[in-house]
C-alpha atoms as a PDB file:
ATOM      1  CA  MET A   1      -1.346   9.842 -20.600  1.00  0.00           C
ATOM      2  CA  THR A   2      -0.113  11.878 -17.659  1.00  0.00           C
ATOM      3  CA  GLU A   3       2.951  14.018 -17.381  1.00  0.00           C
ATOM      4  CA  PRO A   4       5.739  12.427 -15.301  1.00  0.00           C
ATOM      5  CA  VAL A   5       7.249  14.176 -12.305  1.00  0.00           C
ATOM      6  CA  GLY A   6       9.589  16.851 -13.595  1.00  0.00           C
ATOM      7  CA  GLY A   7       8.270  16.658 -17.161  1.00  0.00           C
ATOM      8  CA  ARG A   8       7.782  14.064 -19.835  1.00  0.00           C
ATOM      9  CA  GLY A   9      10.210  11.178 -19.707  1.00  0.00           C
ATOM     10  CA  ALA A  10      11.520  12.204 -16.283  1.00  0.00           C
ATOM     11  CA  GLN A  11      13.340   9.587 -14.249  1.00  0.00           C
ATOM     12  CA  LEU A  12      14.528   9.310 -10.676  1.00  0.00           C
ATOM     13  CA  LYS A  13      18.223  10.176 -10.698  1.00  0.00           C
ATOM     14  CA  HIS A  14      19.282   7.431  -8.299  1.00  0.00           C
ATOM     15  CA  THR A  15      17.459   4.592 -10.098  1.00  0.00           C
ATOM     16  CA  GLY A  16      16.755   5.685 -13.665  1.00  0.00           C
ATOM     17  CA  LEU A  17      13.168   4.522 -13.132  1.00  0.00           C
ATOM     18  CA  ARG A  18      10.089   6.525 -14.066  1.00  0.00           C
ATOM     19  CA  PRO A  19       7.872   7.587 -11.150  1.00  0.00           C
ATOM     20  CA  GLY A  20       4.094   7.596 -11.344  1.00  0.00           C
ATOM     21  CA  TRP A  21       0.946   8.815  -9.619  1.00  0.00           C
ATOM     22  CA  THR A  22      -1.023   7.542  -6.658  1.00  0.00           C
ATOM     23  CA  THR A  23      -4.714   6.743  -6.784  1.00  0.00           C
ATOM     24  CA  GLY A  24      -5.140   9.822  -4.599  1.00  0.00           C
ATOM     25  CA  SER A  25      -3.620  12.052  -7.278  1.00  0.00           C
ATOM     26  CA  CYS A  26      -5.794  10.478  -9.955  1.00  0.00           C
ATOM     27  CA  ALA A  27      -8.937  10.925  -7.852  1.00  0.00           C
ATOM     28  CA  THR A  28      -7.994  14.546  -7.176  1.00  0.00           C
ATOM     29  CA  ALA A  29      -7.447  15.235 -10.873  1.00  0.00           C
ATOM     30  CA  ALA A  30     -10.746  13.582 -11.800  1.00  0.00           C
ATOM     31  CA  THR A  31     -12.605  15.526  -9.097  1.00  0.00           C
ATOM     32  CA  THR A  32     -11.051  18.809 -10.196  1.00  0.00           C
ATOM     33  CA  ALA A  33     -12.058  18.243 -13.809  1.00  0.00           C
ATOM     34  CA  ALA A  34     -15.574  17.096 -12.904  1.00  0.00           C
ATOM     35  CA  TYR A  35     -16.282  20.013 -10.568  1.00  0.00           C
ATOM     36  CA  THR A  36     -14.904  22.486 -13.104  1.00  0.00           C
ATOM     37  CA  ALA A  37     -17.258  21.038 -15.722  1.00  0.00           C
ATOM     38  CA  LEU A  38     -20.158  21.198 -13.290  1.00  0.00           C
ATOM     39  CA  LEU A  39     -19.577  24.932 -12.777  1.00  0.00           C
ATOM     40  CA  THR A  40     -18.502  25.933 -16.290  1.00  0.00           C
ATOM     41  CA  GLY A  41     -19.900  23.289 -18.631  1.00  0.00           C
ATOM     42  CA  THR A  42     -16.409  22.490 -19.925  1.00  0.00           C
ATOM     43  CA  PHE A  43     -13.924  19.827 -18.855  1.00  0.00           C
ATOM     44  CA  PRO A  44     -10.307  20.986 -18.563  1.00  0.00           C
ATOM     45  CA  ASP A  45      -8.284  18.442 -20.526  1.00  0.00           C
ATOM     46  CA  PRO A  46      -5.585  18.010 -19.479  1.00  0.00           C
ATOM     47  CA  VAL A  47      -6.347  18.964 -15.899  1.00  0.00           C
ATOM     48  CA  THR A  48      -3.560  20.235 -13.650  1.00  0.00           C
ATOM     49  CA  ILE A  49      -3.394  19.706  -9.898  1.00  0.00           C
ATOM     50  CA  THR A  50      -0.988  20.693  -7.132  1.00  0.00           C
ATOM     51  CA  LEU A  51       0.560  17.928  -5.036  1.00  0.00           C
ATOM     52  CA  PRO A  52       1.351  18.264  -1.309  1.00  0.00           C
ATOM     53  CA  LYS A  53       5.001  19.124  -2.037  1.00  0.00           C
ATOM     54  CA  GLY A  54       4.163  21.643  -4.746  1.00  0.00           C
ATOM     55  CA  GLN A  55       4.554  19.648  -7.974  1.00  0.00           C
ATOM     56  CA  THR A  56       1.942  20.462 -10.619  1.00  0.00           C
ATOM     57  CA  PRO A  57       1.333  17.435 -12.863  1.00  0.00           C
ATOM     58  CA  SER A  58      -1.226  17.401 -15.659  1.00  0.00           C
ATOM     59  CA  PHE A  59      -3.574  14.494 -16.385  1.00  0.00           C
ATOM     60  CA  ALA A  60      -5.373  13.639 -19.607  1.00  0.00           C
ATOM     61  CA  LEU A  61      -9.011  12.683 -19.189  1.00  0.00           C
ATOM     62  CA  ALA A  62     -10.201   9.248 -20.290  1.00  0.00           C
ATOM     63  CA  VAL A  63     -13.833   9.882 -19.309  1.00  0.00           C
ATOM     64  CA  GLU A  64     -16.002  13.006 -19.542  1.00  0.00           C
ATOM     65  CA  SER A  65     -19.712  12.919 -18.695  1.00  0.00           C
ATOM     66  CA  TYR A  66     -22.091  15.748 -17.732  1.00  0.00           C
ATOM     67  CA  ASP A  67     -25.882  15.619 -17.391  1.00  0.00           C
ATOM     68  CA  GLY A  68     -26.593  19.022 -15.852  1.00  0.00           C
ATOM     69  CA  ARG A  69     -26.846  17.673 -12.302  1.00  0.00           C
ATOM     70  CA  ALA A  70     -23.611  15.705 -11.980  1.00  0.00           C
ATOM     71  CA  ALA A  71     -20.305  15.559 -13.799  1.00  0.00           C
ATOM     72  CA  THR A  72     -17.956  12.594 -14.038  1.00  0.00           C
ATOM     73  CA  ALA A  73     -14.321  12.599 -15.104  1.00  0.00           C
ATOM     74  CA  GLY A  74     -11.909   9.688 -15.284  1.00  0.00           C
ATOM     75  CA  VAL A  75      -8.128   9.343 -15.307  1.00  0.00           C
ATOM     76  CA  VAL A  76      -6.102   6.232 -16.132  1.00  0.00           C
ATOM     77  CA  LYS A  77      -3.571   5.623 -13.392  1.00  0.00           C
ATOM     78  CA  ASP A  78       0.052   5.597 -14.501  1.00  0.00           C
ATOM     79  CA  ALA A  79       2.240   4.066 -11.781  1.00  0.00           C
ATOM     80  CA  GLY A  80       5.424   4.667 -13.777  1.00  0.00           C
ATOM     81  CA  ASP A  81       7.878   1.786 -13.528  1.00  0.00           C
ATOM     82  CA  ASP A  82       6.468   0.536 -10.229  1.00  0.00           C
ATOM     83  CA  PRO A  83       4.813  -2.926 -10.329  1.00  0.00           C
ATOM     84  CA  ASP A  84       1.637  -1.451  -8.822  1.00  0.00           C
ATOM     85  CA  VAL A  85      -1.487  -3.616  -9.130  1.00  0.00           C
ATOM     86  CA  THR A  86      -3.539  -0.495  -9.860  1.00  0.00           C
ATOM     87  CA  HIS A  87      -1.383   0.569 -12.826  1.00  0.00           C
ATOM     88  CA  GLY A  88      -3.686   1.175 -15.777  1.00  0.00           C
ATOM     89  CA  ALA A  89      -6.829   1.307 -13.650  1.00  0.00           C
ATOM     90  CA  LEU A  90      -9.474   3.882 -14.560  1.00  0.00           C
ATOM     91  CA  VAL A  91     -10.143   6.150 -11.577  1.00  0.00           C
ATOM     92  CA  ARG A  92     -13.399   8.112 -11.816  1.00  0.00           C
ATOM     93  CA  ALA A  93     -14.896  10.914  -9.756  1.00  0.00           C
ATOM     94  CA  THR A  94     -18.528  11.994  -9.929  1.00  0.00           C
ATOM     95  CA  VAL A  95     -19.341  15.390  -8.409  1.00  0.00           C
ATOM     96  CA  ARG A  96     -22.801  16.657  -7.403  1.00  0.00           C
ATOM     97  CA  VAL A  97     -23.667  19.981  -5.783  1.00  0.00           C
ATOM     98  CA  LEU A  98     -25.027  19.761  -2.218  1.00  0.00           C
ATOM     99  CA  PRO A  99     -26.933  22.276  -0.082  1.00  0.00           C
ATOM    100  CA  ALA A 100     -24.955  25.150   1.412  1.00  0.00           C
ATOM    101  CA  GLY A 101     -23.000  24.165   4.486  1.00  0.00           C
ATOM    102  CA  SER A 102     -22.626  20.513   3.530  1.00  0.00           C
ATOM    103  CA  GLY A 103     -18.907  20.753   2.814  1.00  0.00           C
ATOM    104  CA  VAL A 104     -17.254  17.973   0.849  1.00  0.00           C
ATOM    105  CA  VAL A 105     -18.955  14.606   1.358  1.00  0.00           C
ATOM    106  CA  PHE A 106     -17.110  11.491   0.195  1.00  0.00           C
ATOM    107  CA  ARG A 107     -18.782   8.385  -1.196  1.00  0.00           C
ATOM    108  CA  ALA A 108     -17.379   5.030  -2.287  1.00  0.00           C
ATOM    109  CA  GLY A 109     -18.420   4.182  -5.808  1.00  0.00           C
ATOM    110  CA  PRO A 110     -17.942   0.801  -7.500  1.00  0.00           C
ATOM    111  CA  GLY A 111     -14.440  -0.526  -6.946  1.00  0.00           C
ATOM    112  CA  VAL A 112     -13.653   1.607  -3.884  1.00  0.00           C
ATOM    113  CA  GLY A 113     -13.789  -0.133  -0.528  1.00  0.00           C
ATOM    114  CA  THR A 114     -15.588   0.676   2.705  1.00  0.00           C
ATOM    115  CA  VAL A 115     -13.956   0.472   6.150  1.00  0.00           C
ATOM    116  CA  THR A 116     -15.556  -2.238   8.315  1.00  0.00           C
ATOM    117  CA  ARG A 117     -13.037  -2.623  11.160  1.00  0.00           C
ATOM    118  CA  PRO A 118     -11.563  -0.149  13.664  1.00  0.00           C
ATOM    119  CA  GLY A 119      -7.841   0.595  13.774  1.00  0.00           C
ATOM    120  CA  LEU A 120      -7.516   2.406  10.448  1.00  0.00           C
ATOM    121  CA  PRO A 121      -7.178   6.194  10.055  1.00  0.00           C
ATOM    122  CA  LEU A 122     -10.834   6.289   8.937  1.00  0.00           C
ATOM    123  CA  ASP A 123     -13.993   5.547  10.891  1.00  0.00           C
ATOM    124  CA  VAL A 124     -15.941   2.349  10.340  1.00  0.00           C
ATOM    125  CA  GLY A 125     -18.457   2.870   7.552  1.00  0.00           C
ATOM    126  CA  GLU A 126     -16.368   5.477   5.756  1.00  0.00           C
ATOM    127  CA  PRO A 127     -15.243   5.075   2.145  1.00  0.00           C
ATOM    128  CA  ALA A 128     -11.615   3.988   1.944  1.00  0.00           C
ATOM    129  CA  ILE A 129     -10.339   7.340   0.735  1.00  0.00           C
ATOM    130  CA  ASN A 130      -7.350   8.055   2.950  1.00  0.00           C
ATOM    131  CA  PRO A 131      -6.773  11.335   4.836  1.00  0.00           C
ATOM    132  CA  VAL A 132      -4.212  12.936   2.495  1.00  0.00           C
ATOM    133  CA  PRO A 133      -6.216  12.271  -0.699  1.00  0.00           C
ATOM    134  CA  ARG A 134      -9.295  13.632   1.088  1.00  0.00           C
ATOM    135  CA  GLN A 135      -7.453  16.826   1.928  1.00  0.00           C
ATOM    136  CA  MET A 136      -6.088  17.103  -1.609  1.00  0.00           C
ATOM    137  CA  ILE A 137      -9.624  16.776  -2.976  1.00  0.00           C
ATOM    138  CA  ARG A 138     -10.996  19.326  -0.492  1.00  0.00           C
ATOM    139  CA  ASP A 139      -8.261  21.809  -1.394  1.00  0.00           C
ATOM    140  CA  HIS A 140      -8.919  21.465  -5.114  1.00  0.00           C
ATOM    141  CA  VAL A 141     -12.687  21.694  -4.687  1.00  0.00           C
ATOM    142  CA  ALA A 142     -12.144  24.940  -2.775  1.00  0.00           C
ATOM    143  CA  ALA A 143      -9.836  26.278  -5.492  1.00  0.00           C
ATOM    144  CA  VAL A 144     -12.303  25.458  -8.272  1.00  0.00           C
ATOM    145  CA  ALA A 145     -15.158  26.987  -6.273  1.00  0.00           C
ATOM    146  CA  ALA A 146     -13.180  30.187  -5.741  1.00  0.00           C
ATOM    147  CA  ALA A 147     -12.245  30.408  -9.426  1.00  0.00           C
ATOM    148  CA  HIS A 148     -15.736  29.799 -10.802  1.00  0.00           C
ATOM    149  CA  GLY A 149     -18.170  31.057  -8.192  1.00  0.00           C
ATOM    150  CA  GLY A 150     -19.134  27.739  -6.625  1.00  0.00           C
ATOM    151  CA  SER A 151     -20.041  27.062  -3.013  1.00  0.00           C
ATOM    152  CA  GLY A 152     -17.626  24.170  -2.497  1.00  0.00           C
ATOM    153  CA  ASP A 153     -20.461  22.074  -1.069  1.00  0.00           C
ATOM    154  CA  VAL A 154     -20.301  18.870  -3.079  1.00  0.00           C
ATOM    155  CA  GLU A 155     -20.624  15.115  -2.968  1.00  0.00           C
ATOM    156  CA  VAL A 156     -17.573  13.368  -4.439  1.00  0.00           C
ATOM    157  CA  THR A 157     -18.026   9.715  -5.399  1.00  0.00           C
ATOM    158  CA  VAL A 158     -14.772   7.987  -6.312  1.00  0.00           C
ATOM    159  CA  SER A 159     -14.832   4.699  -8.216  1.00  0.00           C
ATOM    160  CA  VAL A 160     -12.230   2.442  -9.817  1.00  0.00           C
ATOM    161  CA  ASP A 161     -13.088   0.192 -12.734  1.00  0.00           C
ATOM    162  CA  HIS A 162     -12.548  -3.472 -11.728  1.00  0.00           C
ATOM    163  CA  GLY A 163     -11.412  -2.232  -8.314  1.00  0.00           C
ATOM    164  CA  GLU A 164     -13.169  -4.978  -6.372  1.00  0.00           C
ATOM    165  CA  GLU A 165     -11.373  -7.620  -8.412  1.00  0.00           C
ATOM    166  CA  ILE A 166      -7.995  -5.853  -8.105  1.00  0.00           C
ATOM    167  CA  ALA A 167      -8.464  -5.458  -4.348  1.00  0.00           C
ATOM    168  CA  ARG A 168      -8.410  -9.221  -3.869  1.00  0.00           C
ATOM    169  CA  SER A 169      -4.652  -9.122  -4.481  1.00  0.00           C
ATOM    170  CA  THR A 170      -4.123  -6.416  -1.844  1.00  0.00           C
ATOM    171  CA  TRP A 171      -4.262  -6.292   1.945  1.00  0.00           C
ATOM    172  CA  ASN A 172      -7.720  -4.702   1.910  1.00  0.00           C
ATOM    173  CA  PRO A 173      -9.844  -7.795   2.641  1.00  0.00           C
ATOM    174  CA  ARG A 174      -7.663  -8.678   5.631  1.00  0.00           C
ATOM    175  CA  LEU A 175      -7.752  -5.103   6.930  1.00  0.00           C
ATOM    176  CA  GLY A 176     -11.525  -5.122   6.778  1.00  0.00           C
ATOM    177  CA  ILE A 177     -11.767  -2.813   3.765  1.00  0.00           C
ATOM    178  CA  LEU A 178     -14.470  -4.480   1.723  1.00  0.00           C
ATOM    179  CA  GLY A 179     -15.833  -3.910  -1.750  1.00  0.00           C
ATOM    180  CA  GLY A 180     -12.777  -2.527  -3.469  1.00  0.00           C
ATOM    181  CA  LEU A 181      -9.534  -0.603  -3.318  1.00  0.00           C
ATOM    182  CA  SER A 182      -8.304   2.176  -1.073  1.00  0.00           C
ATOM    183  CA  VAL A 183      -7.560   5.621  -2.489  1.00  0.00           C
ATOM    184  CA  LEU A 184      -4.028   6.128  -1.225  1.00  0.00           C
ATOM    185  CA  GLY A 185      -1.018   8.404  -1.223  1.00  0.00           C
ATOM    186  CA  THR A 186       0.767  10.870   1.019  1.00  0.00           C
ATOM    187  CA  THR A 187       2.885  12.724  -1.554  1.00  0.00           C
ATOM    188  CA  GLY A 188       0.822  11.993  -4.660  1.00  0.00           C
ATOM    189  CA  ILE A 189       3.812  10.329  -6.302  1.00  0.00           C
ATOM    190  CA  VAL A 190       4.578   6.619  -6.694  1.00  0.00           C
ATOM    191  CA  VAL A 191       8.308   5.995  -6.278  1.00  0.00           C
ATOM    192  CA  PRO A 192       9.148   2.761  -8.144  1.00  0.00           C
ATOM    193  CA  TYR A 193      10.083  -0.170  -5.927  1.00  0.00           C
ATOM    194  CA  SER A 194      10.090   1.992  -2.793  1.00  0.00           C
ATOM    195  CA  CYS A 195       7.954  -0.663  -1.072  1.00  0.00           C
ATOM    196  CA  SER A 196       6.338   2.128   0.937  1.00  0.00           C
ATOM    197  CA  ALA A 197       2.839   0.820   0.234  1.00  0.00           C
ATOM    198  CA  TRP A 198       3.753  -2.650   1.525  1.00  0.00           C
ATOM    199  CA  ILE A 199       5.318  -1.242   4.686  1.00  0.00           C
ATOM    200  CA  ASP A 200       2.304   1.002   5.231  1.00  0.00           C
ATOM    201  CA  SER A 201       0.068  -2.060   4.915  1.00  0.00           C
ATOM    202  CA  ILE A 202       2.113  -3.834   7.594  1.00  0.00           C
ATOM    203  CA  ARG A 203       1.557  -0.881   9.913  1.00  0.00           C
ATOM    204  CA  ARG A 204      -2.162  -0.795   9.213  1.00  0.00           C
ATOM    205  CA  GLY A 205      -2.287  -4.539   9.867  1.00  0.00           C
ATOM    206  CA  VAL A 206      -0.758  -4.017  13.312  1.00  0.00           C
ATOM    207  CA  ASP A 207      -3.217  -1.199  14.001  1.00  0.00           C
ATOM    208  CA  VAL A 208      -6.195  -3.351  13.044  1.00  0.00           C
ATOM    209  CA  ALA A 209      -4.959  -6.277  15.167  1.00  0.00           C
ATOM    210  CA  ARG A 210      -4.481  -4.022  18.192  1.00  0.00           C
ATOM    211  CA  ALA A 211      -7.888  -2.407  17.727  1.00  0.00           C
ATOM    212  CA  ALA A 212      -9.429  -5.889  17.630  1.00  0.00           C
ATOM    213  CA  GLY A 213      -7.764  -6.708  20.951  1.00  0.00           C
ATOM    214  CA  ARG A 214      -5.325  -9.247  19.531  1.00  0.00           C
ATOM    215  CA  THR A 215      -2.489  -9.976  21.945  1.00  0.00           C
ATOM    216  CA  HIS A 216      -0.575 -12.285  19.612  1.00  0.00           C
ATOM    217  CA  VAL A 217       0.273 -11.439  15.999  1.00  0.00           C
ATOM    218  CA  ALA A 218       2.460 -13.201  13.452  1.00  0.00           C
ATOM    219  CA  GLY A 219       4.615 -11.658  10.752  1.00  0.00           C
ATOM    220  CA  CYS A 220       4.763 -14.126   7.859  1.00  0.00           C
ATOM    221  CA  THR A 221       7.050 -14.150   4.838  1.00  0.00           C
ATOM    222  CA  GLY A 222       4.559 -15.952   2.607  1.00  0.00           C
ATOM    223  CA  SER A 223       1.537 -18.213   2.365  1.00  0.00           C
ATOM    224  CA  THR A 224       3.323 -21.337   3.644  1.00  0.00           C
ATOM    225  CA  SER A 225       4.552 -19.614   6.795  1.00  0.00           C
ATOM    226  CA  GLU A 226       1.110 -18.048   7.243  1.00  0.00           C
ATOM    227  CA  LYS A 227      -0.568 -21.468   7.155  1.00  0.00           C
ATOM    228  CA  THR A 228       2.001 -22.686   9.667  1.00  0.00           C
ATOM    229  CA  ALA A 229       1.211 -19.794  12.016  1.00  0.00           C
ATOM    230  CA  VAL A 230      -2.486 -20.620  11.846  1.00  0.00           C
ATOM    231  CA  ARG A 231      -1.847 -24.324  12.410  1.00  0.00           C
ATOM    232  CA  GLU A 232       0.588 -23.886  15.294  1.00  0.00           C
ATOM    233  CA  HIS A 233      -1.008 -20.930  17.074  1.00  0.00           C
ATOM    234  CA  GLY A 234      -4.632 -20.841  15.938  1.00  0.00           C
ATOM    235  CA  LEU A 235      -4.377 -17.187  14.963  1.00  0.00           C
ATOM    236  CA  PRO A 236      -7.298 -15.446  13.237  1.00  0.00           C
ATOM    237  CA  GLU A 237      -6.870 -13.682   9.918  1.00  0.00           C
ATOM    238  CA  ASP A 238      -6.619 -10.192  11.410  1.00  0.00           C
ATOM    239  CA  ALA A 239      -3.641 -11.290  13.532  1.00  0.00           C
ATOM    240  CA  LEU A 240      -1.605 -12.304  10.468  1.00  0.00           C
ATOM    241  CA  LEU A 241       0.779  -9.762   8.956  1.00  0.00           C
ATOM    242  CA  ASP A 242       1.928 -10.218   5.362  1.00  0.00           C
ATOM    243  CA  MET A 243       5.495  -9.288   6.272  1.00  0.00           C
ATOM    244  CA  GLY A 244       7.190 -10.435   3.087  1.00  0.00           C
ATOM    245  CA  ASP A 245      10.878  -9.560   3.380  1.00  0.00           C
ATOM    246  CA  PHE A 246      10.289  -6.567   5.661  1.00  0.00           C
ATOM    247  CA  ALA A 247      10.997  -8.023   9.092  1.00  0.00           C
ATOM    248  CA  GLY A 248      12.499  -4.716  10.148  1.00  0.00           C
ATOM    249  CA  ALA A 249       9.277  -2.874   9.354  1.00  0.00           C
ATOM    250  CA  VAL A 250       7.344  -5.236  11.624  1.00  0.00           C
ATOM    251  CA  LEU A 251       9.837  -5.021  14.482  1.00  0.00           C
ATOM    252  CA  LYS A 252      10.202  -1.252  14.351  1.00  0.00           C
ATOM    253  CA  TYR A 253       6.469  -0.583  14.257  1.00  0.00           C
ATOM    254  CA  ILE A 254       5.636  -3.069  17.001  1.00  0.00           C
ATOM    255  CA  ARG A 255       8.335  -1.542  19.163  1.00  0.00           C
ATOM    256  CA  ARG A 256       6.330   1.707  19.071  1.00  0.00           C
ATOM    257  CA  HIS A 257       2.909   0.009  19.031  1.00  0.00           C
ATOM    258  CA  PRO A 258       3.431  -3.104  21.144  1.00  0.00           C
ATOM    259  CA  VAL A 259       1.494  -6.327  21.357  1.00  0.00           C
ATOM    260  CA  ASP A 260       2.009  -8.956  24.048  1.00  0.00           C
ATOM    261  CA  ARG A 261       3.411 -11.572  21.700  1.00  0.00           C
ATOM    262  CA  LEU A 262       4.958 -11.501  18.244  1.00  0.00           C
ATOM    263  CA  THR A 263       5.835 -14.557  16.186  1.00  0.00           C
ATOM    264  CA  LEU A 264       7.925 -14.248  13.024  1.00  0.00           C
ATOM    265  CA  CYS A 265       7.346 -17.084  10.567  1.00  0.00           C
ATOM    266  CA  GLY A 266       9.365 -17.963   7.509  1.00  0.00           C
ATOM    267  CA  GLY A 267      11.650 -20.411   5.814  1.00  0.00           C
ATOM    268  CA  PHE A 268      14.962 -21.371   7.346  1.00  0.00           C
ATOM    269  CA  ALA A 269      17.099 -19.271   5.014  1.00  0.00           C
ATOM    270  CA  LYS A 270      15.148 -16.068   5.595  1.00  0.00           C
ATOM    271  CA  LEU A 271      15.000 -16.506   9.355  1.00  0.00           C
ATOM    272  CA  SER A 272      18.709 -17.312   9.490  1.00  0.00           C
ATOM    273  CA  LYS A 273      19.345 -13.939   7.853  1.00  0.00           C
ATOM    274  CA  LEU A 274      17.186 -12.300  10.507  1.00  0.00           C
ATOM    275  CA  ALA A 275      19.135 -14.130  13.226  1.00  0.00           C
ATOM    276  CA  ALA A 276      22.340 -12.741  11.731  1.00  0.00           C
ATOM    277  CA  GLY A 277      20.982  -9.204  12.079  1.00  0.00           C
ATOM    278  CA  HIS A 278      19.499  -8.504   8.648  1.00  0.00           C
ATOM    279  CA  LEU A 279      16.163  -6.673   8.751  1.00  0.00           C
ATOM    280  CA  ASP A 280      15.491  -6.829   4.999  1.00  0.00           C
ATOM    281  CA  LEU A 281      15.294 -10.479   4.007  1.00  0.00           C
ATOM    282  CA  HIS A 282      15.176 -10.004   0.231  1.00  0.00           C
ATOM    283  CA  SER A 283      17.761 -12.093  -1.600  1.00  0.00           C
ATOM    284  CA  GLY A 284      19.020  -9.017  -3.421  1.00  0.00           C
ATOM    285  CA  ARG A 285      19.705  -7.135  -0.189  1.00  0.00           C
ATOM    286  CA  SER A 286      20.923  -9.783   2.241  1.00  0.00           C
ATOM    287  CA  GLN A 287      22.540 -13.191   1.962  1.00  0.00           C
ATOM    288  CA  VAL A 288      22.631 -16.311   4.107  1.00  0.00           C
ATOM    289  CA  ASP A 289      25.835 -16.201   6.170  1.00  0.00           C
ATOM    290  CA  LYS A 290      27.127 -19.774   6.106  1.00  0.00           C
ATOM    291  CA  ALA A 291      29.954 -18.956   8.521  1.00  0.00           C
ATOM    292  CA  PHE A 292      27.342 -17.696  10.988  1.00  0.00           C
ATOM    293  CA  LEU A 293      25.373 -20.917  10.555  1.00  0.00           C
ATOM    294  CA  ALA A 294      28.540 -22.923  11.180  1.00  0.00           C
ATOM    295  CA  GLU A 295      29.045 -21.031  14.451  1.00  0.00           C
ATOM    296  CA  LEU A 296      25.484 -21.846  15.480  1.00  0.00           C
ATOM    297  CA  ALA A 297      26.042 -25.495  14.575  1.00  0.00           C
ATOM    298  CA  VAL A 298      29.117 -25.621  16.809  1.00  0.00           C
ATOM    299  CA  ARG A 299      27.107 -24.117  19.668  1.00  0.00           C
ATOM    300  CA  GLY A 300      24.579 -26.887  19.079  1.00  0.00           C
ATOM    301  CA  GLY A 301      27.210 -29.603  19.361  1.00  0.00           C
ATOM    302  CA  ALA A 302      28.599 -29.921  15.823  1.00  0.00           C
ATOM    303  CA  GLY A 303      32.146 -31.159  15.446  1.00  0.00           C
ATOM    304  CA  PRO A 304      34.762 -29.642  13.102  1.00  0.00           C
ATOM    305  CA  ASP A 305      33.781 -31.744  10.096  1.00  0.00           C
ATOM    306  CA  LEU A 306      30.093 -30.852  10.297  1.00  0.00           C
ATOM    307  CA  ALA A 307      30.922 -27.200  10.921  1.00  0.00           C
ATOM    308  CA  ALA A 308      33.071 -27.179   7.783  1.00  0.00           C
ATOM    309  CA  GLU A 309      30.289 -28.865   5.823  1.00  0.00           C
ATOM    310  CA  VAL A 310      27.807 -26.220   6.971  1.00  0.00           C
ATOM    311  CA  ALA A 311      30.198 -23.397   6.120  1.00  0.00           C
ATOM    312  CA  ALA A 312      30.656 -24.824   2.613  1.00  0.00           C
ATOM    313  CA  ALA A 313      26.964 -25.577   2.014  1.00  0.00           C
ATOM    314  CA  ASN A 314      25.474 -24.317  -1.218  1.00  0.00           C
ATOM    315  CA  THR A 315      22.318 -23.004   0.430  1.00  0.00           C
ATOM    316  CA  GLY A 316      20.883 -22.404   3.860  1.00  0.00           C
ATOM    317  CA  LEU A 317      18.562 -25.366   3.388  1.00  0.00           C
ATOM    318  CA  ALA A 318      21.528 -27.613   2.578  1.00  0.00           C
ATOM    319  CA  ALA A 319      23.202 -26.486   5.795  1.00  0.00           C
ATOM    320  CA  LEU A 320      20.043 -27.294   7.743  1.00  0.00           C
ATOM    321  CA  GLN A 321      19.773 -30.726   6.144  1.00  0.00           C
ATOM    322  CA  SER A 322      23.381 -31.524   7.029  1.00  0.00           C
ATOM    323  CA  CYS A 323      22.728 -30.639  10.661  1.00  0.00           C
ATOM    324  CA  ALA A 324      19.485 -32.597  10.723  1.00  0.00           C
ATOM    325  CA  ALA A 325      21.192 -35.672   9.310  1.00  0.00           C
ATOM    326  CA  ALA A 326      23.820 -35.434  12.046  1.00  0.00           C
ATOM    327  CA  GLY A 327      21.236 -34.953  14.770  1.00  0.00           C
ATOM    328  CA  VAL A 328      22.345 -31.388  15.548  1.00  0.00           C
END
């Protein structure tokens, strides 16, 4: 088990939900424990790390292995109350000493992906260990080296048990990250239901599409709308953005990182909410405005009776069907 932010049993005040740890934090903790064992012969368990904002969580070790040349430590990821697909995954780090002057060299072990397309914050061919986790690992390697007389020149191989299988349910294959998961995190903490990872994936999707020279991208709310975008526009996979309910995230990012053409694809109800000005299309955060739909129907030629029927419709789809039946 790992200690929650602020101590055991801590919750976020505004939600009552328990936060967790990113894969980057877990990889940093595993690296710290493995390098300590490599220099001292003993694994610190639990192992304590310092996050970018100063928190100092402790992680219990699930794996300890040392053969005199390399040390491996593993931490089970606890995502708190967030529905993170990597919750419960075993994150391992294997550390080997390198010649003086080598610095910290990162490798992708089993279950960690490799970057194969430009447009991401890592070069093609690099292991998918993002910049902040890399810096966290470097900082902790330096601290362990200073405490125990090491050089700080090491190879760090990060792996995630079953990571390649888990990655199939993430954006990684579409982003060109092949072979496994990304090691992520900017604060080290997973905030439950913050949706930050999804929004970050949308941004990376735009970056990859732009780097590939795509001039037309589509933000899609789901698989049906995605298939429609492919059928109607012939778009390749790297031009498709898994927008979900976050239309605002797509629009705001593309405003700063433009493409020539953007298509937003979704069901009638969700797109009617967007037309009414809602940027978050989730049913819990925005509702179909039937009065707004009635106004649109009138603009399209609907008479008073049809407008009243639309305004009283049970769902957005029912409103659409009423208009379709009337030829509006």
